[in-house]
Full PDB file with SEQRES, HELIX, SHEET, SSBOND, CRYST1, ORIGX, SCALE, CONECT and MASTER records, all heavy atoms in Angstrom:
SEQRES   1 A   29  PRO ARG THR PHE PHE ILE LYS THR VAL LYS THR ILE SER          
SEQRES   2 A   29  THR ASN PRO ALA TYR GLU GLN HIS THR PHE TYR GLU ALA          
SEQRES   3 A   29  TRP ARG THR                                                  
HELIX    1 AA1 GLN A   20  ARG A   28  1                                   9    
CRYST1    1.000    1.000    1.000  90.00  90.00  90.00 P 1           1          
ORIGX1      1.000000  0.000000  0.000000        0.00000                         
ORIGX2      0.000000  1.000000  0.000000        0.00000                         
ORIGX3      0.000000  0.000000  1.000000        0.00000                         
SCALE1      1.000000  0.000000  0.000000        0.00000                         
SCALE2      0.000000  1.000000  0.000000        0.00000                         
SCALE3      0.000000  0.000000  1.000000        0.00000                         
ATOM      1  N   PRO A   1       0.803  -1.243   0.019  1.00  0.00           N  
ATOM      2  CA  PRO A   1      -0.025  -0.019   0.003  1.00  0.00           C  
ATOM      3  C   PRO A   1       0.860   1.284  -0.018  1.00  0.00           C  
ATOM      4  O   PRO A   1       0.254   2.353  -0.022  1.00  0.00           O  
ATOM      5  CB  PRO A   1      -0.838  -0.107   1.313  1.00  0.00           C  
ATOM      6  CG  PRO A   1       0.048  -0.936   2.162  1.00  0.00           C  
ATOM      7  CD  PRO A   1       0.789  -1.955   1.302  1.00  0.00           C  
ATOM      8  N   ARG A   2       2.153   1.152   0.085  1.00  0.00           N  
ATOM      9  CA  ARG A   2       3.101   2.247   0.047  1.00  0.00           C  
ATOM     10  C   ARG A   2       3.087   3.061   1.322  1.00  0.00           C  
ATOM     11  O   ARG A   2       3.798   4.136   1.395  1.00  0.00           O  
ATOM     12  CB  ARG A   2       2.888   3.166  -1.137  1.00  0.00           C  
ATOM     13  CG  ARG A   2       3.292   2.586  -2.490  1.00  0.00           C  
ATOM     14  CD  ARG A   2       3.250   3.606  -3.555  1.00  0.00           C  
ATOM     15  NE  ARG A   2       4.139   4.735  -3.239  1.00  0.00           N  
ATOM     16  CZ  ARG A   2       3.739   6.047  -3.354  1.00  0.00           C  
ATOM     17  NH1 ARG A   2       2.548   6.325  -3.815  1.00  0.00           N  
ATOM     18  NH2 ARG A   2       4.614   6.987  -3.055  1.00  0.00           N  
ATOM     19  N   THR A   3       2.331   2.744   2.344  1.00  0.00           N  
ATOM     20  CA  THR A   3       2.365   3.425   3.588  1.00  0.00           C  
ATOM     21  C   THR A   3       3.557   2.925   4.447  1.00  0.00           C  
ATOM     22  O   THR A   3       3.949   1.790   4.287  1.00  0.00           O  
ATOM     23  CB  THR A   3       1.090   3.233   4.398  1.00  0.00           C  
ATOM     24  OG1 THR A   3       0.798   1.816   4.480  1.00  0.00           O  
ATOM     25  CG2 THR A   3      -0.100   3.930   3.691  1.00  0.00           C  
ATOM     26  N   PHE A   4       4.101   3.871   5.181  1.00  0.00           N  
ATOM     27  CA  PHE A   4       5.283   3.458   6.013  1.00  0.00           C  
ATOM     28  C   PHE A   4       4.967   2.344   7.026  1.00  0.00           C  
ATOM     29  O   PHE A   4       5.656   1.408   7.147  1.00  0.00           O  
ATOM     30  CB  PHE A   4       5.826   4.728   6.726  1.00  0.00           C  
ATOM     31  CG  PHE A   4       7.044   4.463   7.431  1.00  0.00           C  
ATOM     32  CD1 PHE A   4       8.296   4.400   6.791  1.00  0.00           C  
ATOM     33  CD2 PHE A   4       7.126   4.283   8.855  1.00  0.00           C  
ATOM     34  CE1 PHE A   4       9.516   4.189   7.449  1.00  0.00           C  
ATOM     35  CE2 PHE A   4       8.289   4.061   9.518  1.00  0.00           C  
ATOM     36  CZ  PHE A   4       9.537   4.023   8.782  1.00  0.00           C  
ATOM     37  N   PHE A   5       3.801   2.510   7.627  1.00  0.00           N  
ATOM     38  CA  PHE A   5       3.393   1.521   8.619  1.00  0.00           C  
ATOM     39  C   PHE A   5       2.350   0.551   7.991  1.00  0.00           C  
ATOM     40  O   PHE A   5       1.448   1.088   7.367  1.00  0.00           O  
ATOM     41  CB  PHE A   5       2.758   2.197   9.905  1.00  0.00           C  
ATOM     42  CG  PHE A   5       3.706   3.026  10.645  1.00  0.00           C  
ATOM     43  CD1 PHE A   5       3.554   4.408  10.681  1.00  0.00           C  
ATOM     44  CD2 PHE A   5       4.792   2.474  11.286  1.00  0.00           C  
ATOM     45  CE1 PHE A   5       4.437   5.267  11.345  1.00  0.00           C  
ATOM     46  CE2 PHE A   5       5.725   3.316  12.017  1.00  0.00           C  
ATOM     47  CZ  PHE A   5       5.503   4.678  12.009  1.00  0.00           C  
ATOM     48  N   ILE A   6       2.608  -0.678   8.138  1.00  0.00           N  
ATOM     49  CA  ILE A   6       1.636  -1.698   7.626  1.00  0.00           C  
ATOM     50  C   ILE A   6       1.355  -2.748   8.672  1.00  0.00           C  
ATOM     51  O   ILE A   6       2.162  -2.997   9.612  1.00  0.00           O  
ATOM     52  CB  ILE A   6       2.251  -2.447   6.352  1.00  0.00           C  
ATOM     53  CG1 ILE A   6       3.541  -3.084   6.669  1.00  0.00           C  
ATOM     54  CG2 ILE A   6       2.333  -1.464   5.240  1.00  0.00           C  
ATOM     55  CD1 ILE A   6       4.115  -3.977   5.545  1.00  0.00           C  
ATOM     56  N   LYS A   7       0.178  -3.393   8.546  1.00  0.00           N  
ATOM     57  CA  LYS A   7      -0.177  -4.494   9.435  1.00  0.00           C  
ATOM     58  C   LYS A   7       0.648  -5.798   9.130  1.00  0.00           C  
ATOM     59  O   LYS A   7       1.192  -5.894   8.019  1.00  0.00           O  
ATOM     60  CB  LYS A   7      -1.672  -4.788   9.269  1.00  0.00           C  
ATOM     61  CG  LYS A   7      -2.573  -3.664   9.724  1.00  0.00           C  
ATOM     62  CD  LYS A   7      -4.010  -4.142   9.745  1.00  0.00           C  
ATOM     63  CE  LYS A   7      -4.486  -4.674   8.385  1.00  0.00           C  
ATOM     64  NZ  LYS A   7      -5.938  -5.107   8.423  1.00  0.00           N  
ATOM     65  N   THR A   8       0.586  -6.675   9.997  1.00  0.00           N  
ATOM     66  CA  THR A   8       1.138  -8.025   9.737  1.00  0.00           C  
ATOM     67  C   THR A   8       0.118  -8.839   8.958  1.00  0.00           C  
ATOM     68  O   THR A   8      -0.995  -9.069   9.357  1.00  0.00           O  
ATOM     69  CB  THR A   8       1.361  -8.791  11.072  1.00  0.00           C  
ATOM     70  OG1 THR A   8       2.202  -7.998  11.928  1.00  0.00           O  
ATOM     71  CG2 THR A   8       2.108 -10.100  10.775  1.00  0.00           C  
ATOM     72  N   VAL A   9       0.479  -9.217   7.753  1.00  0.00           N  
ATOM     73  CA  VAL A   9      -0.391  -9.971   6.879  1.00  0.00           C  
ATOM     74  C   VAL A   9      -0.562 -11.363   7.428  1.00  0.00           C  
ATOM     75  O   VAL A   9       0.400 -12.071   7.707  1.00  0.00           O  
ATOM     76  CB  VAL A   9       0.139 -10.032   5.476  1.00  0.00           C  
ATOM     77  CG1 VAL A   9      -0.708 -10.939   4.579  1.00  0.00           C  
ATOM     78  CG2 VAL A   9       0.181  -8.652   4.867  1.00  0.00           C  
ATOM     79  N   LYS A  10      -1.821 -11.801   7.605  1.00  0.00           N  
ATOM     80  CA  LYS A  10      -2.172 -13.115   8.193  1.00  0.00           C  
ATOM     81  C   LYS A  10      -3.206 -13.795   7.289  1.00  0.00           C  
ATOM     82  O   LYS A  10      -3.735 -13.180   6.354  1.00  0.00           O  
ATOM     83  CB  LYS A  10      -2.647 -13.002   9.624  1.00  0.00           C  
ATOM     84  CG  LYS A  10      -1.661 -12.333  10.604  1.00  0.00           C  
ATOM     85  CD  LYS A  10      -2.247 -12.206  11.941  1.00  0.00           C  
ATOM     86  CE  LYS A  10      -1.264 -11.500  12.892  1.00  0.00           C  
ATOM     87  NZ  LYS A  10      -1.867 -11.282  14.241  1.00  0.00           N  
ATOM     88  N   THR A  11      -3.528 -15.013   7.616  1.00  0.00           N  
ATOM     89  CA  THR A  11      -4.536 -15.726   6.795  1.00  0.00           C  
ATOM     90  C   THR A  11      -5.861 -15.026   6.859  1.00  0.00           C  
ATOM     91  O   THR A  11      -6.572 -14.985   5.860  1.00  0.00           O  
ATOM     92  CB  THR A  11      -4.649 -17.174   7.352  1.00  0.00           C  
ATOM     93  OG1 THR A  11      -3.367 -17.786   7.395  1.00  0.00           O  
ATOM     94  CG2 THR A  11      -5.598 -18.012   6.522  1.00  0.00           C  
ATOM     95  N   ILE A  12      -6.232 -14.470   8.025  1.00  0.00           N  
ATOM     96  CA  ILE A  12      -7.561 -13.885   8.137  1.00  0.00           C  
ATOM     97  C   ILE A  12      -7.459 -12.356   7.951  1.00  0.00           C  
ATOM     98  O   ILE A  12      -8.469 -11.692   8.025  1.00  0.00           O  
ATOM     99  CB  ILE A  12      -8.189 -14.196   9.459  1.00  0.00           C  
ATOM    100  CG1 ILE A  12      -7.349 -13.726  10.648  1.00  0.00           C  
ATOM    101  CG2 ILE A  12      -8.489 -15.647   9.608  1.00  0.00           C  
ATOM    102  CD1 ILE A  12      -7.928 -13.878  11.991  1.00  0.00           C  
ATOM    103  N   SER A  13      -6.284 -11.820   7.772  1.00  0.00           N  
ATOM    104  CA  SER A  13      -6.101 -10.350   7.580  1.00  0.00           C  
ATOM    105  C   SER A  13      -5.102 -10.155   6.493  1.00  0.00           C  
ATOM    106  O   SER A  13      -3.929  -9.956   6.742  1.00  0.00           O  
ATOM    107  CB  SER A  13      -5.632  -9.769   8.898  1.00  0.00           C  
ATOM    108  OG  SER A  13      -5.426  -8.334   8.785  1.00  0.00           O  
ATOM    109  N   THR A  14      -5.568 -10.111   5.236  1.00  0.00           N  
ATOM    110  CA  THR A  14      -4.712 -10.092   4.095  1.00  0.00           C  
ATOM    111  C   THR A  14      -4.520  -8.676   3.570  1.00  0.00           C  
ATOM    112  O   THR A  14      -3.595  -8.476   2.734  1.00  0.00           O  
ATOM    113  CB  THR A  14      -5.317 -10.914   2.952  1.00  0.00           C  
ATOM    114  OG1 THR A  14      -6.654 -10.393   2.631  1.00  0.00           O  
ATOM    115  CG2 THR A  14      -5.458 -12.361   3.332  1.00  0.00           C  
ATOM    116  N   ASN A  15      -5.181  -7.645   4.073  1.00  0.00           N  
ATOM    117  CA  ASN A  15      -4.960  -6.317   3.651  1.00  0.00           C  
ATOM    118  C   ASN A  15      -3.935  -5.675   4.567  1.00  0.00           C  
ATOM    119  O   ASN A  15      -4.165  -5.477   5.793  1.00  0.00           O  
ATOM    120  CB  ASN A  15      -6.312  -5.530   3.664  1.00  0.00           C  
ATOM    121  CG  ASN A  15      -6.115  -4.089   3.217  1.00  0.00           C  
ATOM    122  OD1 ASN A  15      -5.079  -3.741   2.626  1.00  0.00           O  
ATOM    123  ND2 ASN A  15      -7.139  -3.268   3.395  1.00  0.00           N  
ATOM    124  N   PRO A  16      -2.797  -5.314   4.073  1.00  0.00           N  
ATOM    125  CA  PRO A  16      -1.740  -4.785   4.955  1.00  0.00           C  
ATOM    126  C   PRO A  16      -1.894  -3.298   5.341  1.00  0.00           C  
ATOM    127  O   PRO A  16      -1.195  -2.796   6.204  1.00  0.00           O  
ATOM    128  CB  PRO A  16      -0.428  -4.901   4.106  1.00  0.00           C  
ATOM    129  CG  PRO A  16      -0.957  -4.828   2.667  1.00  0.00           C  
ATOM    130  CD  PRO A  16      -2.283  -5.441   2.673  1.00  0.00           C  
ATOM    131  N   ALA A  17      -2.887  -2.603   4.778  1.00  0.00           N  
ATOM    132  CA  ALA A  17      -3.090  -1.172   5.062  1.00  0.00           C  
ATOM    133  C   ALA A  17      -3.862  -1.040   6.392  1.00  0.00           C  
ATOM    134  O   ALA A  17      -4.847  -1.711   6.639  1.00  0.00           O  
ATOM    135  CB  ALA A  17      -3.799  -0.481   3.945  1.00  0.00           C  
ATOM    136  N   TYR A  18      -3.388  -0.163   7.194  1.00  0.00           N  
ATOM    137  CA  TYR A  18      -4.102   0.238   8.429  1.00  0.00           C  
ATOM    138  C   TYR A  18      -5.327   1.065   8.092  1.00  0.00           C  
ATOM    139  O   TYR A  18      -5.337   1.876   7.198  1.00  0.00           O  
ATOM    140  CB  TYR A  18      -3.215   0.923   9.441  1.00  0.00           C  
ATOM    141  CG  TYR A  18      -2.352   0.107  10.263  1.00  0.00           C  
ATOM    142  CD1 TYR A  18      -0.955   0.130  10.123  1.00  0.00           C  
ATOM    143  CD2 TYR A  18      -2.901  -0.700  11.258  1.00  0.00           C  
ATOM    144  CE1 TYR A  18      -0.105  -0.609  10.962  1.00  0.00           C  
ATOM    145  CE2 TYR A  18      -2.020  -1.462  12.065  1.00  0.00           C  
ATOM    146  CZ  TYR A  18      -0.697  -1.466  11.954  1.00  0.00           C  
ATOM    147  OH  TYR A  18       0.166  -2.237  12.686  1.00  0.00           O  
ATOM    148  N   GLU A  19      -6.368   0.915   8.929  1.00  0.00           N  
ATOM    149  CA  GLU A  19      -7.477   1.888   8.916  1.00  0.00           C  
ATOM    150  C   GLU A  19      -7.615   2.370  10.380  1.00  0.00           C  
ATOM    151  O   GLU A  19      -6.879   1.976  11.236  1.00  0.00           O  
ATOM    152  CB  GLU A  19      -8.721   1.283   8.387  1.00  0.00           C  
ATOM    153  CG  GLU A  19      -9.045  -0.090   8.862  1.00  0.00           C  
ATOM    154  CD  GLU A  19      -9.965  -0.064  10.084  1.00  0.00           C  
ATOM    155  OE1 GLU A  19     -10.585   1.044  10.328  1.00  0.00           O  
ATOM    156  OE2 GLU A  19     -10.103  -1.034  10.797  1.00  0.00           O  
ATOM    157  N   GLN A  20      -8.595   3.228  10.549  1.00  0.00           N  
ATOM    158  CA  GLN A  20      -8.756   3.982  11.829  1.00  0.00           C  
ATOM    159  C   GLN A  20      -8.718   3.122  13.046  1.00  0.00           C  
ATOM    160  O   GLN A  20      -7.918   3.282  14.001  1.00  0.00           O  
ATOM    161  CB  GLN A  20      -9.899   4.838  11.821  1.00  0.00           C  
ATOM    162  CG  GLN A  20     -10.135   5.675  13.157  1.00  0.00           C  
ATOM    163  CD  GLN A  20     -11.405   6.534  13.080  1.00  0.00           C  
ATOM    164  OE1 GLN A  20     -12.073   6.588  12.051  1.00  0.00           O  
ATOM    165  NE2 GLN A  20     -11.628   7.177  14.213  1.00  0.00           N  
ATOM    166  N   HIS A  21      -9.508   2.018  13.084  1.00  0.00           N  
ATOM    167  CA  HIS A  21      -9.675   1.232  14.229  1.00  0.00           C  
ATOM    168  C   HIS A  21      -8.498   0.266  14.456  1.00  0.00           C  
ATOM    169  O   HIS A  21      -8.085   0.064  15.591  1.00  0.00           O  
ATOM    170  CB  HIS A  21     -10.995   0.402  14.130  1.00  0.00           C  
ATOM    171  CG  HIS A  21     -12.201   1.204  14.013  1.00  0.00           C  
ATOM    172  ND1 HIS A  21     -12.656   2.024  14.998  1.00  0.00           N  
ATOM    173  CD2 HIS A  21     -13.067   1.406  12.988  1.00  0.00           C  
ATOM    174  CE1 HIS A  21     -13.766   2.653  14.657  1.00  0.00           C  
ATOM    175  NE2 HIS A  21     -14.057   2.339  13.396  1.00  0.00           N  
ATOM    176  N   THR A  22      -7.951  -0.257  13.367  1.00  0.00           N  
ATOM    177  CA  THR A  22      -6.795  -1.181  13.502  1.00  0.00           C  
ATOM    178  C   THR A  22      -5.550  -0.433  13.916  1.00  0.00           C  
ATOM    179  O   THR A  22      -4.725  -1.031  14.700  1.00  0.00           O  
ATOM    180  CB  THR A  22      -6.542  -1.904  12.199  1.00  0.00           C  
ATOM    181  OG1 THR A  22      -6.429  -1.013  11.047  1.00  0.00           O  
ATOM    182  CG2 THR A  22      -7.694  -2.884  11.825  1.00  0.00           C  
ATOM    183  N   PHE A  23      -5.334   0.798  13.474  1.00  0.00           N  
ATOM    184  CA  PHE A  23      -4.188   1.570  13.872  1.00  0.00           C  
ATOM    185  C   PHE A  23      -4.294   1.890  15.410  1.00  0.00           C  
ATOM    186  O   PHE A  23      -3.330   1.821  16.135  1.00  0.00           O  
ATOM    187  CB  PHE A  23      -4.019   2.793  13.087  1.00  0.00           C  
ATOM    188  CG  PHE A  23      -2.711   3.492  13.237  1.00  0.00           C  
ATOM    189  CD1 PHE A  23      -1.589   3.036  12.490  1.00  0.00           C  
ATOM    190  CD2 PHE A  23      -2.527   4.558  14.106  1.00  0.00           C  
ATOM    191  CE1 PHE A  23      -0.362   3.648  12.669  1.00  0.00           C  
ATOM    192  CE2 PHE A  23      -1.316   5.139  14.286  1.00  0.00           C  
ATOM    193  CZ  PHE A  23      -0.228   4.701  13.528  1.00  0.00           C  
ATOM    194  N   TYR A  24      -5.531   2.271  15.769  1.00  0.00           N  
ATOM    195  CA  TYR A  24      -5.674   2.614  17.232  1.00  0.00           C  
ATOM    196  C   TYR A  24      -5.416   1.369  18.054  1.00  0.00           C  
ATOM    197  O   TYR A  24      -4.744   1.433  19.137  1.00  0.00           O  
ATOM    198  CB  TYR A  24      -7.162   3.082  17.403  1.00  0.00           C  
ATOM    199  CG  TYR A  24      -7.510   3.282  18.862  1.00  0.00           C  
ATOM    200  CD1 TYR A  24      -7.267   4.502  19.514  1.00  0.00           C  
ATOM    201  CD2 TYR A  24      -8.126   2.303  19.626  1.00  0.00           C  
ATOM    202  CE1 TYR A  24      -7.573   4.712  20.809  1.00  0.00           C  
ATOM    203  CE2 TYR A  24      -8.468   2.459  20.973  1.00  0.00           C  
ATOM    204  CZ  TYR A  24      -8.219   3.656  21.557  1.00  0.00           C  
ATOM    205  OH  TYR A  24      -8.491   3.913  22.883  1.00  0.00           O  
ATOM    206  N   GLU A  25      -5.975   0.183  17.628  1.00  0.00           N  
ATOM    207  CA  GLU A  25      -5.728  -1.028  18.413  1.00  0.00           C  
ATOM    208  C   GLU A  25      -4.260  -1.432  18.419  1.00  0.00           C  
ATOM    209  O   GLU A  25      -3.770  -1.989  19.423  1.00  0.00           O  
ATOM    210  CB  GLU A  25      -6.615  -2.168  17.885  1.00  0.00           C  
ATOM    211  CG  GLU A  25      -8.012  -2.017  18.166  1.00  0.00           C  
ATOM    212  CD  GLU A  25      -8.365  -1.971  19.669  1.00  0.00           C  
ATOM    213  OE1 GLU A  25      -7.673  -2.642  20.394  1.00  0.00           O  
ATOM    214  OE2 GLU A  25      -9.280  -1.249  20.040  1.00  0.00           O  
ATOM    215  N   ALA A  26      -3.516  -1.217  17.334  1.00  0.00           N  
ATOM    216  CA  ALA A  26      -2.135  -1.502  17.327  1.00  0.00           C  
ATOM    217  C   ALA A  26      -1.410  -0.658  18.360  1.00  0.00           C  
ATOM    218  O   ALA A  26      -0.521  -1.145  19.120  1.00  0.00           O  
ATOM    219  CB  ALA A  26      -1.562  -1.258  15.876  1.00  0.00           C  
ATOM    220  N   TRP A  27      -1.686   0.650  18.423  1.00  0.00           N  
ATOM    221  CA  TRP A  27      -1.055   1.518  19.369  1.00  0.00           C  
ATOM    222  C   TRP A  27      -1.429   1.100  20.806  1.00  0.00           C  
ATOM    223  O   TRP A  27      -0.612   1.057  21.713  1.00  0.00           O  
ATOM    224  CB  TRP A  27      -1.460   2.994  19.120  1.00  0.00           C  
ATOM    225  CG  TRP A  27      -0.621   3.956  19.829  1.00  0.00           C  
ATOM    226  CD1 TRP A  27      -0.628   4.255  21.189  1.00  0.00           C  
ATOM    227  CD2 TRP A  27       0.396   4.876  19.231  1.00  0.00           C  
ATOM    228  NE1 TRP A  27       0.274   5.217  21.451  1.00  0.00           N  
ATOM    229  CE2 TRP A  27       0.928   5.597  20.305  1.00  0.00           C  
ATOM    230  CE3 TRP A  27       0.888   5.003  17.953  1.00  0.00           C  
ATOM    231  CZ2 TRP A  27       1.937   6.516  20.147  1.00  0.00           C  
ATOM    232  CZ3 TRP A  27       1.922   5.915  17.799  1.00  0.00           C  
ATOM    233  CH2 TRP A  27       2.438   6.719  18.859  1.00  0.00           C  
ATOM    234  N   ARG A  28      -2.662   0.842  20.987  1.00  0.00           N  
ATOM    235  CA  ARG A  28      -3.178   0.407  22.290  1.00  0.00           C  
ATOM    236  C   ARG A  28      -2.436  -0.872  22.754  1.00  0.00           C  
ATOM    237  O   ARG A  28      -2.068  -1.037  23.933  1.00  0.00           O  
ATOM    238  CB  ARG A  28      -4.662   0.200  22.248  1.00  0.00           C  
ATOM    239  CG  ARG A  28      -5.337  -0.096  23.558  1.00  0.00           C  
ATOM    240  CD  ARG A  28      -6.806  -0.282  23.359  1.00  0.00           C  
ATOM    241  NE  ARG A  28      -7.447  -0.888  24.516  1.00  0.00           N  
ATOM    242  CZ  ARG A  28      -7.948  -0.194  25.529  1.00  0.00           C  
ATOM    243  NH1 ARG A  28      -7.804   1.149  25.557  1.00  0.00           N  
ATOM    244  NH2 ARG A  28      -8.549  -0.824  26.531  1.00  0.00           N  
ATOM    245  N   THR A  29      -2.184  -1.809  21.873  1.00  0.00           N  
ATOM    246  CA  THR A  29      -1.476  -3.033  22.218  1.00  0.00           C  
ATOM    247  C   THR A  29      -0.099  -2.756  22.616  1.00  0.00           C  
ATOM    248  O   THR A  29       0.430  -3.420  23.541  1.00  0.00           O  
ATOM    249  CB  THR A  29      -1.509  -3.991  20.993  1.00  0.00           C  
ATOM    250  OG1 THR A  29      -2.868  -4.280  20.646  1.00  0.00           O  
ATOM    251  CG2 THR A  29      -0.812  -5.323  21.318  1.00  0.00           C  
TER     252      THR A  29                                                      
MASTER        0    0    0    1    0    0    0    6  251    1    0    3          
END                                                                             
């Protein structure tokens, strides 16, 4: 997605781009 920060690609999460809720949860974790 060309963004500096990306999610960990997994079997159930194949889109590496963060969105509002997933980025918040990543920071919270």
